[in-house]
Amino acid sequence: MRVVLDSNVLLVSLPKLSKYRLIFDEFLSNRLTLIISNEVITEYYEVLSRFTNDAVASNVLELLLISPNVEKFEIYYNWSLIVEDFDDNKFVDLAISSNSDYIVTNDKHFKILENIEFPDVRIICLDDFFELIKSER
């Protein structure tokens, strides 16, 4: 499965005692492919360093950049589908250009995508994604 993780989803999947650690473990076991771009990596660093520290943020990003199950894409077209929080469009544009299976997010701004027929962007909330992963094990 190829997914774009919202920054907060990545953040809550990292701690060993997190309910959602299974998501990061699936990634570490090469059963989940993460899709990234330069903009997404930059946001990951900002969020991780804000809620953890620079060392943790740097280590996670280094892991992402060297992992065989991470695909990096350049974004050449901005769809601008989310107007309430324009910054969220980096995840949408990445999902479209990479033909990802899902964007995993709990951010309410992404709900607008459910009413857009084209391009098709599939959104899944964190809990549903967690259950999907558990069911596929």
C-alpha atoms as a PDB file:
ATOM      1  CA  MET A   1       0.000   0.000   0.000  1.00  0.00           C
ATOM      2  CA  ARG A   2       1.330   3.436  -0.977  1.00  0.00           C
ATOM      3  CA  VAL A   3       0.304   6.279   1.323  1.00  0.00           C
ATOM      4  CA  VAL A   4       0.888   9.921   2.067  1.00  0.00           C
ATOM      5  CA  LEU A   5       0.897  10.505   5.812  1.00  0.00           C
ATOM      6  CA  ASP A   6      -0.186  13.831   7.218  1.00  0.00           C
ATOM      7  CA  SER A   7       2.449  15.187   9.606  1.00  0.00           C
ATOM      8  CA  ASN A   8       0.364  14.537  12.698  1.00  0.00           C
ATOM      9  CA  VAL A   9      -0.212  10.935  11.664  1.00  0.00           C
ATOM     10  CA  LEU A  10       3.528  10.388  11.366  1.00  0.00           C
ATOM     11  CA  LEU A  11       4.021  12.087  14.727  1.00  0.00           C
ATOM     12  CA  VAL A  12       1.564   9.871  16.625  1.00  0.00           C
ATOM     13  CA  SER A  13       2.847   6.680  14.990  1.00  0.00           C
ATOM     14  CA  LEU A  14       6.432   7.116  16.217  1.00  0.00           C
ATOM     15  CA  PRO A  15       6.339   6.544  19.991  1.00  0.00           C
ATOM     16  CA  LYS A  16       6.875   2.914  20.961  1.00  0.00           C
ATOM     17  CA  LEU A  17       3.943   3.069  23.389  1.00  0.00           C
ATOM     18  CA  SER A  18       1.585   4.759  20.940  1.00  0.00           C
ATOM     19  CA  LYS A  19      -1.670   3.035  20.043  1.00  0.00           C
ATOM     20  CA  TYR A  20      -0.776   3.811  16.414  1.00  0.00           C
ATOM     21  CA  ARG A  21       2.787   2.479  16.498  1.00  0.00           C
ATOM     22  CA  LEU A  22       1.671  -0.372  14.214  1.00  0.00           C
ATOM     23  CA  ILE A  23       1.654   2.112  11.326  1.00  0.00           C
ATOM     24  CA  PHE A  24       5.318   2.965  11.753  1.00  0.00           C
ATOM     25  CA  ASP A  25       6.174  -0.689  12.401  1.00  0.00           C
ATOM     26  CA  GLU A  26       4.512  -1.638   9.098  1.00  0.00           C
ATOM     27  CA  PHE A  27       6.697   0.941   7.417  1.00  0.00           C
ATOM     28  CA  LEU A  28       9.827  -0.380   9.152  1.00  0.00           C
ATOM     29  CA  SER A  29       8.898  -3.905   8.002  1.00  0.00           C
ATOM     30  CA  ASN A  30       8.621  -2.725   4.380  1.00  0.00           C
ATOM     31  CA  ARG A  31       4.908  -3.555   4.249  1.00  0.00           C
ATOM     32  CA  LEU A  32       3.938   0.072   3.786  1.00  0.00           C
ATOM     33  CA  THR A  33       5.345   2.506   1.246  1.00  0.00           C
ATOM     34  CA  LEU A  34       5.498   6.156   2.221  1.00  0.00           C
ATOM     35  CA  ILE A  35       5.264   8.813  -0.449  1.00  0.00           C
ATOM     36  CA  ILE A  36       7.161  12.049   0.208  1.00  0.00           C
ATOM     37  CA  SER A  37       8.162  15.281  -1.487  1.00  0.00           C
ATOM     38  CA  ASN A  38      10.558  18.048  -0.508  1.00  0.00           C
ATOM     39  CA  GLU A  39       7.690  20.104   0.895  1.00  0.00           C
ATOM     40  CA  VAL A  40       6.346  17.201   2.932  1.00  0.00           C
ATOM     41  CA  ILE A  41       9.779  16.358   4.322  1.00  0.00           C
ATOM     42  CA  THR A  42      10.219  19.981   5.360  1.00  0.00           C
ATOM     43  CA  GLU A  43       6.880  19.949   7.181  1.00  0.00           C
ATOM     44  CA  TYR A  44       7.702  16.621   8.834  1.00  0.00           C
ATOM     45  CA  TYR A  45      10.903  18.161  10.189  1.00  0.00           C
ATOM     46  CA  GLU A  46       9.093  21.252  11.478  1.00  0.00           C
ATOM     47  CA  VAL A  47       6.380  19.247  13.236  1.00  0.00           C
ATOM     48  CA  LEU A  48       8.694  16.583  14.651  1.00  0.00           C
ATOM     49  CA  SER A  49      11.218  19.096  15.978  1.00  0.00           C
ATOM     50  CA  ARG A  50       8.402  21.141  17.559  1.00  0.00           C
ATOM     51  CA  PHE A  51       6.900  18.157  19.415  1.00  0.00           C
ATOM     52  CA  THR A  52      10.072  16.123  20.043  1.00  0.00           C
ATOM     53  CA  ASN A  53      13.515  17.620  19.416  1.00  0.00           C
ATOM     54  CA  ASP A  54      15.921  18.271  16.552  1.00  0.00           C
ATOM     55  CA  ALA A  55      17.757  14.964  17.038  1.00  0.00           C
ATOM     56  CA  VAL A  56      14.584  12.883  16.783  1.00  0.00           C
ATOM     57  CA  ALA A  57      13.371  14.899  13.798  1.00  0.00           C
ATOM     58  CA  SER A  58      16.713  14.519  12.012  1.00  0.00           C
ATOM     59  CA  ASN A  59      16.886  10.771  12.697  1.00  0.00           C
ATOM     60  CA  VAL A  60      13.363  10.142  11.413  1.00  0.00           C
ATOM     61  CA  LEU A  61      14.001  12.169   8.256  1.00  0.00           C
ATOM     62  CA  GLU A  62      17.309  10.418   7.639  1.00  0.00           C
ATOM     63  CA  LEU A  63      15.514   7.078   7.952  1.00  0.00           C
ATOM     64  CA  LEU A  64      12.850   8.210   5.490  1.00  0.00           C
ATOM     65  CA  LEU A  65      15.416   9.426   2.991  1.00  0.00           C
ATOM     66  CA  ILE A  66      17.371   6.152   2.939  1.00  0.00           C
ATOM     67  CA  SER A  67      14.522   3.643   3.228  1.00  0.00           C
ATOM     68  CA  PRO A  68      13.814   1.478   0.178  1.00  0.00           C
ATOM     69  CA  ASN A  69      10.068   1.736   0.750  1.00  0.00           C
ATOM     70  CA  VAL A  70       9.931   5.514   0.474  1.00  0.00           C
ATOM     71  CA  GLU A  71       9.151   7.048  -2.894  1.00  0.00           C
ATOM     72  CA  LYS A  72      10.076  10.667  -3.468  1.00  0.00           C
ATOM     73  CA  PHE A  73       8.132  12.761  -5.968  1.00  0.00           C
ATOM     74  CA  GLU A  74       8.523  16.251  -7.335  1.00  0.00           C
ATOM     75  CA  ILE A  75       5.326  18.250  -7.628  1.00  0.00           C
ATOM     76  CA  TYR A  76       4.945  19.991 -10.975  1.00  0.00           C
ATOM     77  CA  TYR A  77       1.329  21.064 -10.750  1.00  0.00           C
ATOM     78  CA  ASN A  78      -0.605  22.577  -7.859  1.00  0.00           C
ATOM     79  CA  TRP A  79      -4.280  21.663  -7.838  1.00  0.00           C
ATOM     80  CA  SER A  80      -5.191  24.029  -4.976  1.00  0.00           C
ATOM     81  CA  LEU A  81      -8.188  21.933  -3.959  1.00  0.00           C
ATOM     82  CA  ILE A  82      -8.153  22.879  -0.265  1.00  0.00           C
ATOM     83  CA  VAL A  83      -8.928  26.546   0.257  1.00  0.00           C
ATOM     84  CA  GLU A  84      -9.443  26.669   4.035  1.00  0.00           C
ATOM     85  CA  ASP A  85      -5.831  25.737   4.793  1.00  0.00           C
ATOM     86  CA  PHE A  86      -3.818  26.194   1.638  1.00  0.00           C
ATOM     87  CA  ASP A  87      -0.761  24.579   3.248  1.00  0.00           C
ATOM     88  CA  ASP A  88      -2.544  21.191   3.233  1.00  0.00           C
ATOM     89  CA  ASN A  89      -2.432  21.148  -0.554  1.00  0.00           C
ATOM     90  CA  LYS A  90       1.152  19.854  -0.490  1.00  0.00           C
ATOM     91  CA  PHE A  91      -0.229  16.477   0.647  1.00  0.00           C
ATOM     92  CA  VAL A  92      -3.045  16.520  -1.910  1.00  0.00           C
ATOM     93  CA  ASP A  93      -0.756  17.430  -4.798  1.00  0.00           C
ATOM     94  CA  LEU A  94       1.658  14.708  -3.729  1.00  0.00           C
ATOM     95  CA  ALA A  95      -1.078  12.080  -3.545  1.00  0.00           C
ATOM     96  CA  ILE A  96      -2.324  13.027  -7.003  1.00  0.00           C
ATOM     97  CA  SER A  97       1.069  13.116  -8.691  1.00  0.00           C
ATOM     98  CA  SER A  98       2.162   9.832  -7.098  1.00  0.00           C
ATOM     99  CA  ASN A  99      -1.171   8.046  -7.550  1.00  0.00           C
ATOM    100  CA  SER A 100      -1.115   7.094  -3.874  1.00  0.00           C
ATOM    101  CA  ASP A 101      -3.677   4.756  -2.418  1.00  0.00           C
ATOM    102  CA  TYR A 102      -4.549   7.125   0.442  1.00  0.00           C
ATOM    103  CA  ILE A 103      -3.811  10.294   2.292  1.00  0.00           C
ATOM    104  CA  VAL A 104      -3.966   9.367   5.964  1.00  0.00           C
ATOM    105  CA  THR A 105      -5.198  12.326   7.982  1.00  0.00           C
ATOM    106  CA  ASN A 106      -7.577  13.471  10.674  1.00  0.00           C
ATOM    107  CA  ASP A 107      -7.481  17.053   9.422  1.00  0.00           C
ATOM    108  CA  LYS A 108     -11.023  18.269   8.740  1.00  0.00           C
ATOM    109  CA  HIS A 109      -9.855  20.462   5.846  1.00  0.00           C
ATOM    110  CA  PHE A 110      -9.364  17.345   3.722  1.00  0.00           C
ATOM    111  CA  LYS A 111     -13.086  16.481   3.925  1.00  0.00           C
ATOM    112  CA  ILE A 112     -13.728  18.743   0.920  1.00  0.00           C
ATOM    113  CA  LEU A 113     -11.989  16.142  -1.249  1.00  0.00           C
ATOM    114  CA  GLU A 114     -14.874  13.730  -0.687  1.00  0.00           C
ATOM    115  CA  ASN A 115     -17.042  16.022  -2.847  1.00  0.00           C
ATOM    116  CA  ILE A 116     -14.544  16.449  -5.682  1.00  0.00           C
ATOM    117  CA  GLU A 117     -14.921  13.923  -8.494  1.00  0.00           C
ATOM    118  CA  PHE A 118     -11.708  14.760 -10.313  1.00  0.00           C
ATOM    119  CA  PRO A 119      -8.974  14.227  -9.526  1.00  0.00           C
ATOM    120  CA  ASP A 120      -9.754  11.229  -7.360  1.00  0.00           C
ATOM    121  CA  VAL A 121      -8.004  11.549  -4.011  1.00  0.00           C
ATOM    122  CA  ARG A 122      -8.794   8.960  -1.376  1.00  0.00           C
ATOM    123  CA  ILE A 123      -8.701  10.139   2.210  1.00  0.00           C
ATOM    124  CA  ILE A 124      -8.731   7.821   5.209  1.00  0.00           C
ATOM    125  CA  CYS A 125      -8.773   8.834   8.847  1.00  0.00           C
ATOM    126  CA  LEU A 126      -6.135   7.573  11.248  1.00  0.00           C
ATOM    127  CA  ASP A 127      -8.378   5.121  13.088  1.00  0.00           C
ATOM    128  CA  ASP A 128      -9.758   3.606   9.871  1.00  0.00           C
ATOM    129  CA  PHE A 129      -6.261   3.258   8.452  1.00  0.00           C
ATOM    130  CA  PHE A 130      -5.084   1.652  11.673  1.00  0.00           C
ATOM    131  CA  GLU A 131      -7.943  -0.871  11.467  1.00  0.00           C
ATOM    132  CA  LEU A 132      -7.197  -1.520   7.789  1.00  0.00           C
ATOM    133  CA  ILE A 133      -3.570  -2.307   8.583  1.00  0.00           C
ATOM    134  CA  LYS A 134      -4.575  -4.577  11.471  1.00  0.00           C
ATOM    135  CA  SER A 135      -6.991  -6.478   9.234  1.00  0.00           C
ATOM    136  CA  GLU A 136      -4.336  -7.030   6.555  1.00  0.00           C
ATOM    137  CA  ARG A 137      -1.778  -8.536   8.930  1.00  0.00           C
END
